[in-house]
């Protein structure tokens, strides 16, 4: 279950919002939380302002994938070679 947790930095006084997901740690037999920073909280409007840009989903080019034909053809001569 995900929840939004607010935490204030004591040095700067800025409040940050985190998305907290709880899970069970089998080794320690305790509940743990994984947190992901969403952004900081605006003091006047109390809305969450993202701190960094999120990656846009990458769109793969539509079309047929396969071998690309070679355009450049060359012939080279390297002298007499012995093939065993």
PDB file of N, CA and C in Angstrom:
ATOM      1  N   UNK A   1       0.844  -1.169   0.000  1.00  0.00           N
ATOM      2  CA  UNK A   1       0.000   0.000   0.000  1.00  0.00           C
ATOM      3  C   UNK A   1       0.895   1.239   0.000  1.00  0.00           C
ATOM      4  N   UNK A   2       0.626   2.166  -0.873  1.00  0.00           N
ATOM      5  CA  UNK A   2       1.428   3.384  -0.990  1.00  0.00           C
ATOM      6  C   UNK A   2       0.771   4.519  -0.197  1.00  0.00           C
ATOM      7  N   UNK A   3       1.623   5.346   0.402  1.00  0.00           N
ATOM      8  CA  UNK A   3       1.159   6.515   1.145  1.00  0.00           C
ATOM      9  C   UNK A   3       2.103   7.667   0.876  1.00  0.00           C
ATOM     10  N   UNK A   4       1.620   8.885   1.054  1.00  0.00           N
ATOM     11  CA  UNK A   4       2.461  10.064   0.905  1.00  0.00           C
ATOM     12  C   UNK A   4       2.895  10.512   2.297  1.00  0.00           C
ATOM     13  N   UNK A   5       4.218  10.624   2.482  1.00  0.00           N
ATOM     14  CA  UNK A   5       4.792  11.002   3.763  1.00  0.00           C
ATOM     15  C   UNK A   5       5.471  12.356   3.581  1.00  0.00           C
ATOM     16  N   UNK A   6       5.248  13.267   4.543  1.00  0.00           N
ATOM     17  CA  UNK A   6       5.867  14.589   4.514  1.00  0.00           C
ATOM     18  C   UNK A   6       6.978  14.628   5.557  1.00  0.00           C
ATOM     19  N   UNK A   7       8.167  15.112   5.150  1.00  0.00           N
ATOM     20  CA  UNK A   7       9.292  15.182   6.068  1.00  0.00           C
ATOM     21  C   UNK A   7       9.966  16.536   5.907  1.00  0.00           C
ATOM     22  N   UNK A   8      10.253  17.215   7.025  1.00  0.00           N
ATOM     23  CA  UNK A   8      10.853  18.540   7.009  1.00  0.00           C
ATOM     24  C   UNK A   8      12.350  18.438   7.272  1.00  0.00           C
ATOM     25  N   UNK A   9      13.139  19.111   6.425  1.00  0.00           N
ATOM     26  CA  UNK A   9      14.576  19.200   6.625  1.00  0.00           C
ATOM     27  C   UNK A   9      14.829  20.251   7.700  1.00  0.00           C
ATOM     28  N   UNK A  10      15.511  19.868   8.777  1.00  0.00           N
ATOM     29  CA  UNK A  10      15.703  20.781   9.903  1.00  0.00           C
ATOM     30  C   UNK A  10      16.648  21.930   9.578  1.00  0.00           C
ATOM     31  N   UNK A  11      17.638  21.685   8.714  1.00  0.00           N
ATOM     32  CA  UNK A  11      18.594  22.737   8.391  1.00  0.00           C
ATOM     33  C   UNK A  11      17.977  23.815   7.507  1.00  0.00           C
ATOM     34  N   UNK A  12      17.243  23.406   6.473  1.00  0.00           N
ATOM     35  CA  UNK A  12      16.697  24.376   5.519  1.00  0.00           C
ATOM     36  C   UNK A  12      15.254  24.747   5.801  1.00  0.00           C
ATOM     37  N   UNK A  13      14.526  23.906   6.518  1.00  0.00           N
ATOM     38  CA  UNK A  13      13.123  24.175   6.802  1.00  0.00           C
ATOM     39  C   UNK A  13      12.193  23.812   5.655  1.00  0.00           C
ATOM     40  N   UNK A  14      12.717  23.148   4.622  1.00  0.00           N
ATOM     41  CA  UNK A  14      11.902  22.767   3.467  1.00  0.00           C
ATOM     42  C   UNK A  14      11.245  21.421   3.738  1.00  0.00           C
ATOM     43  N   UNK A  15       9.963  21.325   3.425  1.00  0.00           N
ATOM     44  CA  UNK A  15       9.222  20.088   3.599  1.00  0.00           C
ATOM     45  C   UNK A  15       9.179  19.343   2.270  1.00  0.00           C
ATOM     46  N   UNK A  16       9.568  18.073   2.289  1.00  0.00           N
ATOM     47  CA  UNK A  16       9.566  17.234   1.099  1.00  0.00           C
ATOM     48  C   UNK A  16       8.466  16.187   1.210  1.00  0.00           C
ATOM     49  N   UNK A  17       7.931  15.793   0.058  1.00  0.00           N
ATOM     50  CA  UNK A  17       6.902  14.757   0.006  1.00  0.00           C
ATOM     51  C   UNK A  17       7.522  13.492  -0.578  1.00  0.00           C
ATOM     52  N   UNK A  18       7.262  12.366   0.054  1.00  0.00           N
ATOM     53  CA  UNK A  18       7.786  11.078  -0.377  1.00  0.00           C
ATOM     54  C   UNK A  18       6.636  10.106  -0.591  1.00  0.00           C
ATOM     55  N   UNK A  19       6.791   9.222  -1.586  1.00  0.00           N
ATOM     56  CA  UNK A  19       5.851   8.128  -1.773  1.00  0.00           C
ATOM     57  C   UNK A  19       6.435   6.937  -1.026  1.00  0.00           C
ATOM     58  N   UNK A  20       5.740   6.442  -0.025  1.00  0.00           N
ATOM     59  CA  UNK A  20       6.237   5.382   0.823  1.00  0.00           C
ATOM     60  C   UNK A  20       5.466   4.091   0.549  1.00  0.00           C
ATOM     61  N   UNK A  21       6.220   3.017   0.256  1.00  0.00           N
ATOM     62  CA  UNK A  21       5.617   1.706   0.010  1.00  0.00           C
ATOM     63  C   UNK A  21       6.151   0.751   1.065  1.00  0.00           C
ATOM     64  N   UNK A  22       5.253   0.132   1.827  1.00  0.00           N
ATOM     65  CA  UNK A  22       5.654  -0.777   2.896  1.00  0.00           C
ATOM     66  C   UNK A  22       5.806  -2.193   2.356  1.00  0.00           C
ATOM     67  N   UNK A  23       6.793  -2.911   2.911  1.00  0.00           N
ATOM     68  CA  UNK A  23       6.984  -4.318   2.569  1.00  0.00           C
ATOM     69  C   UNK A  23       7.540  -5.055   3.789  1.00  0.00           C
ATOM     70  N   UNK A  24       7.437  -6.377   3.764  1.00  0.00           N
ATOM     71  CA  UNK A  24       7.887  -7.196   4.882  1.00  0.00           C
ATOM     72  C   UNK A  24       9.289  -7.723   4.613  1.00  0.00           C
ATOM     73  N   UNK A  25      10.207  -7.482   5.567  1.00  0.00           N
ATOM     74  CA  UNK A  25      11.572  -7.979   5.477  1.00  0.00           C
ATOM     75  C   UNK A  25      11.608  -9.345   6.159  1.00  0.00           C
ATOM     76  N   UNK A  26      11.842 -10.409   5.370  1.00  0.00           N
ATOM     77  CA  UNK A  26      11.807 -11.773   5.898  1.00  0.00           C
ATOM     78  C   UNK A  26      12.974 -12.052   6.834  1.00  0.00           C
ATOM     79  N   UNK A  27      14.135 -11.482   6.553  1.00  0.00           N
ATOM     80  CA  UNK A  27      15.305 -11.763   7.376  1.00  0.00           C
ATOM     81  C   UNK A  27      15.187 -11.141   8.768  1.00  0.00           C
ATOM     82  N   UNK A  28      14.751  -9.894   8.832  1.00  0.00           N
ATOM     83  CA  UNK A  28      14.660  -9.203  10.114  1.00  0.00           C
ATOM     84  C   UNK A  28      13.304  -9.378  10.781  1.00  0.00           C
ATOM     85  N   UNK A  29      12.344  -9.965  10.050  1.00  0.00           N
ATOM     86  CA  UNK A  29      10.985 -10.165  10.561  1.00  0.00           C
ATOM     87  C   UNK A  29      10.364  -8.853  11.028  1.00  0.00           C
ATOM     88  N   UNK A  30      10.549  -7.812  10.181  1.00  0.00           N
ATOM     89  CA  UNK A  30      10.005  -6.494  10.495  1.00  0.00           C
ATOM     90  C   UNK A  30       9.448  -5.865   9.235  1.00  0.00           C
ATOM     91  N   UNK A  31       8.577  -4.917   9.415  1.00  0.00           N
ATOM     92  CA  UNK A  31       8.039  -4.150   8.302  1.00  0.00           C
ATOM     93  C   UNK A  31       9.017  -3.033   7.958  1.00  0.00           C
ATOM     94  N   UNK A  32       9.272  -2.847   6.680  1.00  0.00           N
ATOM     95  CA  UNK A  32      10.171  -1.799   6.199  1.00  0.00           C
ATOM     96  C   UNK A  32       9.438  -0.945   5.175  1.00  0.00           C
ATOM     97  N   UNK A  33       9.986   0.224   4.879  1.00  0.00           N
ATOM     98  CA  UNK A  33       9.372   1.131   3.913  1.00  0.00           C
ATOM     99  C   UNK A  33      10.405   1.564   2.888  1.00  0.00           C
ATOM    100  N   UNK A  34      10.001   1.558   1.621  1.00  0.00           N
ATOM    101  CA  UNK A  34      10.826   2.113   0.557  1.00  0.00           C
ATOM    102  C   UNK A  34      10.217   3.464   0.203  1.00  0.00           C
ATOM    103  N   UNK A  35      11.064   4.504   0.192  1.00  0.00           N
ATOM    104  CA  UNK A  35      10.578   5.851  -0.086  1.00  0.00           C
ATOM    105  C   UNK A  35      11.170   6.394  -1.373  1.00  0.00           C
ATOM    106  N   UNK A  36      10.339   7.119  -2.114  1.00  0.00           N
ATOM    107  CA  UNK A  36      10.763   7.752  -3.358  1.00  0.00           C
ATOM    108  C   UNK A  36      10.318   9.206  -3.289  1.00  0.00           C
ATOM    109  N   UNK A  37      11.273  10.124  -3.492  1.00  0.00           N
ATOM    110  CA  UNK A  37      10.972  11.547  -3.382  1.00  0.00           C
ATOM    111  C   UNK A  37      10.098  11.994  -4.550  1.00  0.00           C
ATOM    112  N   UNK A  38       8.969  12.620  -4.229  1.00  0.00           N
ATOM    113  CA  UNK A  38       8.070  13.152  -5.250  1.00  0.00           C
ATOM    114  C   UNK A  38       8.429  14.602  -5.548  1.00  0.00           C
ATOM    115  N   UNK A  39       8.654  15.379  -4.500  1.00  0.00           N
ATOM    116  CA  UNK A  39       8.978  16.791  -4.674  1.00  0.00           C
ATOM    117  C   UNK A  39       8.906  17.520  -3.350  1.00  0.00           C
ATOM    118  N   UNK A  40       8.998  18.831  -3.415  1.00  0.00           N
ATOM    119  CA  UNK A  40       8.899  19.616  -2.189  1.00  0.00           C
ATOM    120  C   UNK A  40       7.540  20.294  -2.107  1.00  0.00           C
ATOM    121  N   UNK A  41       7.168  20.659  -0.891  1.00  0.00           N
ATOM    122  CA  UNK A  41       5.849  21.244  -0.641  1.00  0.00           C
ATOM    123  C   UNK A  41       5.981  22.761  -0.631  1.00  0.00           C
ATOM    124  N   UNK A  42       5.137  23.432  -1.433  1.00  0.00           N
ATOM    125  CA  UNK A  42       5.123  24.892  -1.487  1.00  0.00           C
ATOM    126  C   UNK A  42       4.495  25.419  -0.192  1.00  0.00           C
ATOM    127  N   UNK A  43       5.179  26.324   0.540  1.00  0.00           N
ATOM    128  CA  UNK A  43       4.651  26.786   1.828  1.00  0.00           C
ATOM    129  C   UNK A  43       3.350  27.587   1.724  1.00  0.00           C
ATOM    130  N   UNK A  44       3.141  28.317   0.620  1.00  0.00           N
ATOM    131  CA  UNK A  44       1.925  29.121   0.506  1.00  0.00           C
ATOM    132  C   UNK A  44       0.713  28.289   0.072  1.00  0.00           C
ATOM    133  N   UNK A  45       0.881  27.485  -0.960  1.00  0.00           N
ATOM    134  CA  UNK A  45      -0.264  26.750  -1.512  1.00  0.00           C
ATOM    135  C   UNK A  45      -0.381  25.335  -0.962  1.00  0.00           C
ATOM    136  N   UNK A  46       0.654  24.834  -0.306  1.00  0.00           N
ATOM    137  CA  UNK A  46       0.701  23.477   0.239  1.00  0.00           C
ATOM    138  C   UNK A  46       0.502  22.416  -0.842  1.00  0.00           C
ATOM    139  N   UNK A  47       0.981  22.728  -2.052  1.00  0.00           N
ATOM    140  CA  UNK A  47       0.942  21.754  -3.136  1.00  0.00           C
ATOM    141  C   UNK A  47       2.347  21.204  -3.349  1.00  0.00           C
ATOM    142  N   UNK A  48       2.408  19.994  -3.907  1.00  0.00           N
ATOM    143  CA  UNK A  48       3.689  19.334  -4.148  1.00  0.00           C
ATOM    144  C   UNK A  48       4.247  19.818  -5.478  1.00  0.00           C
ATOM    145  N   UNK A  49       5.486  20.355  -5.450  1.00  0.00           N
ATOM    146  CA  UNK A  49       6.169  20.831  -6.644  1.00  0.00           C
ATOM    147  C   UNK A  49       7.268  19.814  -6.972  1.00  0.00           C
ATOM    148  N   UNK A  50       7.241  19.199  -8.162  1.00  0.00           N
ATOM    149  CA  UNK A  50       8.272  18.203  -8.483  1.00  0.00           C
ATOM    150  C   UNK A  50       9.672  18.821  -8.457  1.00  0.00           C
ATOM    151  N   UNK A  51      10.641  18.066  -7.913  1.00  0.00           N
ATOM    152  CA  UNK A  51      12.000  18.578  -7.802  1.00  0.00           C
ATOM    153  C   UNK A  51      12.841  18.264  -9.026  1.00  0.00           C
ATOM    154  N   UNK A  52      12.496  17.226  -9.777  1.00  0.00           N
ATOM    155  CA  UNK A  52      13.245  16.893 -10.989  1.00  0.00           C
ATOM    156  C   UNK A  52      12.292  16.390 -12.060  1.00  0.00           C
ATOM    157  N   UNK A  53      12.773  16.475 -13.288  1.00  0.00           N
ATOM    158  CA  UNK A  53      11.954  16.060 -14.413  1.00  0.00           C
ATOM    159  C   UNK A  53      11.843  14.551 -14.456  1.00  0.00           C
ATOM    160  N   UNK A  54      10.690  14.077 -14.807  1.00  0.00           N
ATOM    161  CA  UNK A  54      10.474  12.650 -14.990  1.00  0.00           C
ATOM    162  C   UNK A  54      10.784  12.293 -16.426  1.00  0.00           C
ATOM    163  N   UNK A  55      11.295  11.100 -16.637  1.00  0.00           N
ATOM    164  CA  UNK A  55      11.621  10.663 -17.986  1.00  0.00           C
ATOM    165  C   UNK A  55      10.334  10.415 -18.769  1.00  0.00           C
ATOM    166  N   UNK A  56      10.328  10.914 -19.992  1.00  0.00           N
ATOM    167  CA  UNK A  56       9.192  10.660 -20.866  1.00  0.00           C
ATOM    168  C   UNK A  56       9.292   9.229 -21.374  1.00  0.00           C
ATOM    169  N   UNK A  57       8.178   8.560 -21.532  1.00  0.00           N
ATOM    170  CA  UNK A  57       8.247   7.191 -22.036  1.00  0.00           C
ATOM    171  C   UNK A  57       8.820   7.167 -23.446  1.00  0.00           C
ATOM    172  N   UNK A  58       9.751   6.262 -23.649  1.00  0.00           N
ATOM    173  CA  UNK A  58      10.378   6.180 -24.958  1.00  0.00           C
ATOM    174  C   UNK A  58       9.474   5.425 -25.913  1.00  0.00           C
ATOM    175  N   UNK A  59       9.339   5.966 -27.107  1.00  0.00           N
ATOM    176  CA  UNK A  59       8.508   5.354 -28.128  1.00  0.00           C
ATOM    177  C   UNK A  59       9.428   4.728 -29.161  1.00  0.00           C
ATOM    178  N   UNK A  60       9.266   3.434 -29.373  1.00  0.00           N
ATOM    179  CA  UNK A  60      10.088   2.749 -30.354  1.00  0.00           C
ATOM    180  C   UNK A  60       9.567   3.053 -31.751  1.00  0.00           C
ATOM    181  N   UNK A  61      10.465   3.212 -32.704  1.00  0.00           N
ATOM    182  CA  UNK A  61      10.009   3.498 -34.057  1.00  0.00           C
ATOM    183  C   UNK A  61       9.245   2.307 -34.620  1.00  0.00           C
ATOM    184  N   UNK A  62       8.123   2.622 -35.253  1.00  0.00           N
ATOM    185  CA  UNK A  62       7.318   1.559 -35.843  1.00  0.00           C
ATOM    186  C   UNK A  62       7.916   1.171 -37.176  1.00  0.00           C
ATOM    187  N   UNK A  63       7.896  -0.054 -37.439  1.00  0.00           N
ATOM    188  CA  UNK A  63       8.441  -0.529 -38.699  1.00  0.00           C
ATOM    189  C   UNK A  63       9.044  -1.900 -38.524  1.00  0.00           C
ATOM    190  N   UNK A  64       9.523  -2.398 -39.597  1.00  0.00           N
ATOM    191  CA  UNK A  64      10.068  -3.740 -39.626  1.00  0.00           C
ATOM    192  C   UNK A  64      11.530  -3.715 -39.197  1.00  0.00           C
ATOM    193  N   UNK A  65      11.869  -4.558 -38.247  1.00  0.00           N
ATOM    194  CA  UNK A  65      13.255  -4.678 -37.816  1.00  0.00           C
ATOM    195  C   UNK A  65      13.891  -5.835 -38.564  1.00  0.00           C
ATOM    196  N   UNK A  66      15.154  -5.707 -38.828  1.00  0.00           N
ATOM    197  CA  UNK A  66      15.846  -6.783 -39.504  1.00  0.00           C
ATOM    198  C   UNK A  66      17.203  -6.320 -39.967  1.00  0.00           C
ATOM    199  N   UNK A  67      17.861  -7.146 -40.768  1.00  0.00           N
ATOM    200  CA  UNK A  67      19.192  -6.771 -41.223  1.00  0.00           C
ATOM    201  C   UNK A  67      19.154  -5.570 -42.158  1.00  0.00           C
ATOM    202  N   UNK A  68      20.171  -4.741 -42.044  1.00  0.00           N
ATOM    203  CA  UNK A  68      20.276  -3.549 -42.877  1.00  0.00           C
ATOM    204  C   UNK A  68      21.185  -3.890 -44.055  1.00  0.00           C
ATOM    205  N   UNK A  69      20.750  -3.657 -45.275  1.00  0.00           N
ATOM    206  CA  UNK A  69      21.602  -3.985 -46.422  1.00  0.00           C
ATOM    207  C   UNK A  69      22.818  -3.066 -46.473  1.00  0.00           C
ATOM    208  N   UNK A  70      23.965  -3.638 -46.873  1.00  0.00           N
ATOM    209  CA  UNK A  70      25.172  -2.830 -46.975  1.00  0.00           C
ATOM    210  C   UNK A  70      25.167  -2.064 -48.287  1.00  0.00           C
ATOM    211  N   UNK A  71      25.580  -0.832 -48.219  1.00  0.00           N
ATOM    212  CA  UNK A  71      25.575   0.039 -49.395  1.00  0.00           C
ATOM    213  C   UNK A  71      26.972   0.090 -50.007  1.00  0.00           C
ATOM    214  N   UNK A  72      28.000   0.086 -49.175  1.00  0.00           N
ATOM    215  CA  UNK A  72      29.368   0.227 -49.643  1.00  0.00           C
ATOM    216  C   UNK A  72      30.009  -1.154 -49.810  1.00  0.00           C
ATOM    217  N   UNK A  73      30.530  -1.427 -50.995  1.00  0.00           N
ATOM    218  CA  UNK A  73      31.242  -2.682 -51.222  1.00  0.00           C
ATOM    219  C   UNK A  73      32.656  -2.358 -51.669  1.00  0.00           C
ATOM    220  N   UNK A  74      33.627  -3.038 -51.099  1.00  0.00           N
ATOM    221  CA  UNK A  74      35.029  -2.817 -51.448  1.00  0.00           C
ATOM    222  C   UNK A  74      35.723  -4.159 -51.631  1.00  0.00           C
ATOM    223  N   UNK A  75      36.797  -4.135 -52.380  1.00  0.00           N
ATOM    224  CA  UNK A  75      37.624  -5.313 -52.579  1.00  0.00           C
ATOM    225  C   UNK A  75      39.060  -4.902 -52.288  1.00  0.00           C
ATOM    226  N   UNK A  76      39.719  -5.668 -51.434  1.00  0.00           N
ATOM    227  CA  UNK A  76      41.083  -5.341 -51.029  1.00  0.00           C
ATOM    228  C   UNK A  76      42.007  -6.508 -51.341  1.00  0.00           C
ATOM    229  N   UNK A  77      43.240  -6.203 -51.681  1.00  0.00           N
ATOM    230  CA  UNK A  77      44.250  -7.219 -51.946  1.00  0.00           C
ATOM    231  C   UNK A  77      45.378  -7.025 -50.949  1.00  0.00           C
ATOM    232  N   UNK A  78      45.750  -8.104 -50.255  1.00  0.00           N
ATOM    233  CA  UNK A  78      46.751  -7.995 -49.206  1.00  0.00           C
ATOM    234  C   UNK A  78      48.005  -8.796 -49.530  1.00  0.00           C
ATOM    235  N   UNK A  79      48.205  -9.213 -50.740  1.00  0.00           N
ATOM    236  CA  UNK A  79      49.423  -9.943 -51.097  1.00  0.00           C
ATOM    237  C   UNK A  79      49.218 -11.437 -51.007  1.00  0.00           C
ATOM    238  N   UNK A  80      50.330 -12.153 -51.121  1.00  0.00           N
ATOM    239  CA  UNK A  80      50.283 -13.622 -51.091  1.00  0.00           C
ATOM    240  C   UNK A  80      50.111 -14.103 -49.658  1.00  0.00           C
ATOM    241  N   UNK A  81      49.123 -14.963 -49.453  1.00  0.00           N
ATOM    242  CA  UNK A  81      48.860 -15.538 -48.136  1.00  0.00           C
ATOM    243  C   UNK A  81      48.943 -17.062 -48.237  1.00  0.00           C
ATOM    244  N   UNK A  82      49.388 -17.679 -47.170  1.00  0.00           N
ATOM    245  CA  UNK A  82      49.453 -19.129 -47.131  1.00  0.00           C
ATOM    246  C   UNK A  82      48.294 -19.630 -46.281  1.00  0.00           C
ATOM    247  N   UNK A  83      47.471 -20.463 -46.846  1.00  0.00           N
ATOM    248  CA  UNK A  83      46.369 -21.056 -46.130  1.00  0.00           C
ATOM    249  C   UNK A  83      46.723 -22.498 -45.808  1.00  0.00           C
ATOM    250  N   UNK A  84      46.657 -22.859 -44.574  1.00  0.00           N
ATOM    251  CA  UNK A  84      47.012 -24.237 -44.165  1.00  0.00           C
ATOM    252  C   UNK A  84      45.765 -25.014 -43.885  1.00  0.00           C
TER     253      UNK A  84
END
